[in-house]
Amino acid sequence: IKKYLSGITRPYGSAPALTETLRGLSRGKGPYYFIMPSFGDPENVNAYFSSPLPSQIRCMMHLAAAFQARGLFFWTYQTPFPKHDALVDPVTLLPLDGKWAAAGEAAASILKNAGLLAECTWGGRYAFVAGSPLLEAFRLNRKDDPAQYFYLVNKDTDQSANGRLYNLDVTASLRDLFADKEVPITEDTVVSKRSDLKWVSGAASVKLKPGDGVLLKYAPAAVEEGTDTADGPRPPPVVPTQTPRGR
């Protein structure tokens, strides 16, 4: 990705937005590896390379993991540049700023679940998410696993995102695999852009700091107690297909 600011939220020149680039790569033949910038011009955001913030480092890493990159690398110079600070000082190799900590934080969560992510296939965007327009939910499927996996990424690298996943089964379980804790699913009323179109659904609240991501495991309960798991989980409630994305 040569022009970083094509990156997270908008196109840059003739390059597509980063999400679209990664989507295309995830649908290609064979694995791909994501190389991201860790340095750049800190003053000119329209430079060929801009210097990513810690939150932008996190966001790039989580987006790449969500779109099934098989490896994450950083591009940097070994020679010092006055205005091009990277993850570490090229002489001492000591961290320079918050980018190192942000990269380590995201890497720890991703690495903890690397085996699972490697076994998943892309399931498309999950449309039933409300909140910030830059809060994205991506669905991952795993062979012979009745559970579904949602990778949520806050593409807003300036502000936290408060939102909800909905169209969930209130009897199901939802687990944050990064924090290793359960996320409550409660019954709530979902209102679409059309005020006359609303329904009751299981919903789960999520909060992500700027550029952060989370991997959720959604495991619906069996149709009946004692039902063989091979019969599969109970699907979430069916919602009219013409329903627009909620807010």
Protein backbone atom coordinates (compact mmCIF):
# COMPACT_ATOMS: atom_id res chain seq x y z
CA ILE A 1 0.00 0.00 0.00
CA LYS A 2 2.11 2.86 -1.25
CA LYS A 3 -0.16 5.76 -0.42
CA TYR A 4 -1.12 5.30 3.19
CA LEU A 5 -3.93 7.84 3.33
CA SER A 6 -5.84 5.82 0.77
CA GLY A 7 -5.91 3.71 3.83
CA ILE A 8 -8.75 3.67 6.19
CA THR A 9 -11.60 5.95 5.25
CA ARG A 10 -11.23 7.37 1.75
CA PRO A 11 -9.54 6.98 -1.64
CA TYR A 12 -6.28 8.80 -2.33
CA GLY A 13 -5.62 9.74 -5.93
CA SER A 14 -6.23 6.73 -8.12
CA ALA A 15 -5.71 4.24 -5.27
CA PRO A 16 -8.85 2.72 -3.67
CA ALA A 17 -9.62 2.88 0.04
CA LEU A 18 -7.63 0.38 2.11
CA THR A 19 -10.71 -1.67 3.00
CA GLU A 20 -11.47 -2.22 -0.68
CA THR A 21 -7.85 -3.11 -1.43
CA LEU A 22 -7.81 -5.70 1.34
CA ARG A 23 -11.18 -7.07 0.27
CA GLY A 24 -9.80 -7.69 -3.20
CA LEU A 25 -6.68 -9.35 -1.82
CA SER A 26 -8.72 -11.62 0.46
CA ARG A 27 -10.66 -12.88 -2.56
CA GLY A 28 -7.54 -13.56 -4.62
CA LYS A 29 -5.75 -16.83 -5.18
CA GLY A 30 -3.36 -17.85 -2.45
CA PRO A 31 -2.23 -16.03 0.70
CA TYR A 32 -1.07 -12.42 0.89
CA TYR A 33 1.04 -10.46 3.36
CA PHE A 34 0.38 -6.91 4.47
CA ILE A 35 3.27 -4.43 4.66
CA MET A 36 2.32 -1.16 6.32
CA PRO A 37 4.19 2.12 6.83
CA SER A 38 5.50 3.05 10.25
CA PHE A 39 7.05 6.40 9.31
CA GLY A 40 6.35 9.38 7.09
CA ASP A 41 5.90 13.13 6.95
CA PRO A 42 4.25 14.15 10.26
CA GLU A 43 3.23 17.59 8.99
CA ASN A 44 1.81 17.00 5.52
CA VAL A 45 -1.07 14.53 5.63
CA ASN A 46 -1.24 14.58 1.83
CA ALA A 47 2.37 13.48 1.46
CA TYR A 48 3.19 10.34 -0.49
CA PHE A 49 3.81 8.75 2.93
CA SER A 50 2.17 10.32 5.96
CA SER A 51 3.28 9.33 9.43
CA PRO A 52 0.59 7.06 10.92
CA LEU A 53 -0.71 7.74 14.40
CA PRO A 54 -0.75 4.92 17.00
CA SER A 55 -4.49 4.55 16.40
CA GLN A 56 -3.88 4.27 12.64
CA ILE A 57 -1.27 1.56 13.24
CA ARG A 58 -3.86 -0.40 15.26
CA CYS A 59 -6.52 0.10 12.62
CA MET A 60 -4.33 -1.08 9.75
CA MET A 61 -3.35 -4.20 11.70
CA HIS A 62 -6.91 -5.13 12.67
CA LEU A 63 -8.23 -4.52 9.16
CA ALA A 64 -5.50 -6.72 7.69
CA ALA A 65 -6.26 -9.49 10.20
CA ALA A 66 -10.00 -9.20 9.54
CA PHE A 67 -9.34 -9.55 5.80
CA GLN A 68 -7.19 -12.64 6.43
CA ALA A 69 -3.69 -11.41 5.75
CA ARG A 70 -1.25 -14.20 6.57
CA GLY A 71 1.44 -11.91 7.92
CA LEU A 72 1.87 -8.31 9.11
CA PHE A 73 5.06 -6.37 8.41
CA PHE A 74 6.21 -2.77 8.84
CA TRP A 75 8.13 -0.72 6.31
CA THR A 76 10.72 1.66 7.71
CA TYR A 77 14.19 3.10 7.12
CA GLN A 78 17.31 2.09 9.02
CA THR A 79 18.90 5.50 8.38
CA PRO A 80 17.62 8.29 10.68
CA PHE A 81 15.57 11.10 9.14
CA PRO A 82 14.81 14.32 11.04
CA LYS A 83 11.08 14.24 10.27
CA HIS A 84 10.48 10.55 9.72
CA ASP A 85 10.20 8.89 13.12
CA ALA A 86 9.36 5.21 12.87
CA LEU A 87 8.47 2.57 15.43
CA VAL A 88 11.95 2.54 16.94
CA ASP A 89 15.09 4.63 16.89
CA PRO A 90 17.19 3.17 14.05
CA VAL A 91 20.37 3.45 16.12
CA THR A 92 19.33 2.36 19.61
CA LEU A 93 16.28 0.29 18.52
CA LEU A 94 14.36 1.80 21.45
CA PRO A 95 10.68 2.75 20.98
CA LEU A 96 10.19 6.33 19.81
CA ASP A 97 6.54 6.98 20.55
CA GLY A 98 3.15 5.35 21.08
CA LYS A 99 3.22 3.54 17.75
CA TRP A 100 5.40 0.76 19.16
CA ALA A 101 3.04 0.17 22.06
CA ALA A 102 -0.01 0.28 19.78
CA ALA A 103 1.53 -2.23 17.39
CA GLY A 104 2.45 -4.53 20.27
CA GLU A 105 -1.03 -4.33 21.76
CA ALA A 106 -2.74 -5.21 18.49
CA ALA A 107 -0.18 -7.90 17.69
CA ALA A 108 -0.73 -9.62 21.06
CA SER A 109 -4.48 -9.92 20.46
CA ILE A 110 -4.08 -11.05 16.87
CA LEU A 111 -1.32 -13.55 17.65
CA LYS A 112 -3.38 -15.05 20.47
CA ASN A 113 -6.03 -15.94 17.88
CA ALA A 114 -3.79 -16.45 14.84
CA GLY A 115 -4.58 -20.15 14.56
CA LEU A 116 -8.31 -19.51 14.60
CA LEU A 117 -8.08 -16.67 12.09
CA ALA A 118 -6.02 -18.84 9.75
CA GLU A 119 -8.78 -21.48 9.73
CA CYS A 120 -11.55 -19.02 8.93
CA THR A 121 -12.90 -18.00 5.56
CA TRP A 122 -14.27 -14.62 4.62
CA GLY A 123 -18.02 -14.37 5.23
CA GLY A 124 -18.68 -10.82 4.08
CA ARG A 125 -19.71 -7.67 5.85
CA TYR A 126 -22.22 -8.02 8.70
CA ALA A 127 -24.83 -5.34 8.05
CA PHE A 128 -26.58 -5.42 11.42
CA VAL A 129 -24.39 -2.94 13.28
CA ALA A 130 -25.53 0.43 14.58
CA GLY A 131 -23.52 3.39 15.78
CA SER A 132 -20.64 5.21 14.16
CA PRO A 133 -20.66 4.98 10.34
CA LEU A 134 -16.96 4.02 10.63
CA LEU A 135 -17.72 1.03 12.85
CA GLU A 136 -17.49 -2.03 10.58
CA ALA A 137 -18.39 -5.64 11.35
CA PHE A 138 -16.97 -8.47 9.24
CA ARG A 139 -18.16 -12.06 9.40
CA LEU A 140 -15.77 -15.03 9.44
CA ASN A 141 -16.72 -18.69 9.09
CA ARG A 142 -14.77 -21.73 10.24
CA LYS A 143 -15.18 -25.19 8.74
CA ASP A 144 -17.03 -27.70 10.96
CA ASP A 145 -17.57 -25.01 13.60
CA PRO A 146 -21.25 -24.12 14.26
CA ALA A 147 -20.20 -20.78 15.73
CA GLN A 148 -19.80 -17.59 13.74
CA TYR A 149 -17.06 -15.04 14.25
CA PHE A 150 -17.39 -11.28 13.96
CA TYR A 151 -14.36 -9.02 13.59
CA LEU A 152 -15.32 -5.45 14.49
CA VAL A 153 -13.02 -2.57 13.57
CA ASN A 154 -13.41 1.10 14.45
CA LYS A 155 -12.08 2.82 11.34
CA ASP A 156 -12.37 6.18 13.08
CA THR A 157 -8.81 6.82 14.23
CA ASP A 158 -9.72 10.04 16.06
CA GLN A 159 -12.71 9.08 18.20
CA SER A 160 -14.01 6.08 20.12
CA ALA A 161 -16.98 4.20 18.68
CA ASN A 162 -20.01 3.15 20.69
CA GLY A 163 -22.30 0.79 18.85
CA ARG A 164 -24.43 -2.33 18.87
CA LEU A 165 -24.52 -5.63 17.05
CA TYR A 166 -28.11 -6.71 16.59
CA ASN A 167 -30.23 -9.38 14.92
CA LEU A 168 -28.74 -11.78 17.47
CA ASP A 169 -30.37 -14.62 19.42
CA VAL A 170 -30.77 -13.68 23.09
CA THR A 171 -30.21 -17.33 24.08
CA ALA A 172 -26.85 -17.40 22.30
CA SER A 173 -23.44 -16.64 23.74
CA LEU A 174 -21.11 -13.90 22.54
CA ARG A 175 -17.49 -13.90 23.66
CA ASP A 176 -14.76 -11.32 23.26
CA LEU A 177 -11.79 -13.49 22.24
CA PHE A 178 -9.27 -10.67 22.70
CA ALA A 179 -10.27 -9.89 26.29
CA ASP A 180 -11.45 -13.47 26.98
CA LYS A 181 -14.79 -12.43 28.46
CA GLU A 182 -18.50 -12.81 27.75
CA VAL A 183 -20.44 -9.99 26.08
CA PRO A 184 -24.10 -9.79 27.19
CA ILE A 185 -26.84 -10.15 24.58
CA THR A 186 -30.03 -8.41 25.67
CA GLU A 187 -33.43 -8.01 24.07
CA ASP A 188 -33.81 -4.56 22.56
CA THR A 189 -35.91 -2.68 20.05
CA VAL A 190 -34.14 -1.90 16.80
CA VAL A 191 -35.34 1.12 14.83
CA SER A 192 -34.33 1.57 11.20
CA LYS A 193 -34.10 4.83 9.27
CA ARG A 194 -37.79 4.34 8.60
CA SER A 195 -39.41 5.22 11.90
CA ASP A 196 -42.31 2.88 11.14
CA LEU A 197 -39.99 -0.11 10.75
CA LYS A 198 -38.80 -1.58 14.03
CA TRP A 199 -38.46 -5.01 15.59
CA VAL A 200 -37.32 -6.69 18.78
CA SER A 201 -33.93 -8.35 18.54
CA GLY A 202 -31.04 -9.54 20.60
CA ALA A 203 -28.38 -6.86 20.72
CA ALA A 204 -24.88 -6.53 22.17
CA SER A 205 -23.13 -3.26 23.01
CA VAL A 206 -19.57 -2.68 21.88
CA LYS A 207 -17.13 0.15 22.55
CA LEU A 208 -13.83 0.49 20.72
CA LYS A 209 -11.18 3.14 21.15
CA PRO A 210 -9.86 4.93 18.05
CA GLY A 211 -8.61 2.44 15.47
CA ASP A 212 -9.23 -0.55 17.71
CA GLY A 213 -10.67 -3.95 16.80
CA VAL A 214 -12.20 -6.95 18.52
CA LEU A 215 -12.87 -10.56 17.53
CA LEU A 216 -16.19 -11.97 18.79
CA LYS A 217 -17.36 -15.59 18.85
CA TYR A 218 -21.12 -15.96 18.41
CA ALA A 219 -22.49 -19.39 19.34
CA PRO A 220 -26.29 -19.75 19.08
CA ALA A 221 -27.97 -22.28 21.37
CA ALA A 222 -29.21 -25.61 19.98
CA VAL A 223 -32.81 -25.74 18.85
CA GLU A 224 -33.59 -28.14 21.67
CA GLU A 225 -31.63 -29.24 24.67
CA GLY A 226 -29.67 -32.34 23.80
CA THR A 227 -29.81 -31.71 20.05
CA ASP A 228 -26.75 -33.06 18.25
CA THR A 229 -24.43 -30.18 17.39
CA ALA A 230 -24.14 -31.57 13.87
CA ASP A 231 -27.67 -30.31 13.31
CA GLY A 232 -26.30 -26.81 13.62
CA PRO A 233 -27.23 -23.80 15.71
CA ARG A 234 -30.49 -21.92 15.68
CA PRO A 235 -30.12 -19.03 13.23
CA PRO A 236 -30.77 -15.44 14.30
CA PRO A 237 -34.22 -13.94 13.66
CA VAL A 238 -35.00 -13.18 10.04
CA VAL A 239 -35.23 -9.47 9.24
CA PRO A 240 -36.78 -7.97 6.09
CA THR A 241 -34.09 -7.82 3.44
CA GLN A 242 -35.01 -4.27 2.48
CA THR A 243 -34.19 -2.99 5.95
CA PRO A 244 -31.41 -0.35 5.67
CA ARG A 245 -28.50 -0.19 8.05
CA GLY A 246 -29.76 0.96 11.45
CA ARG A 247 -28.51 3.90 13.43
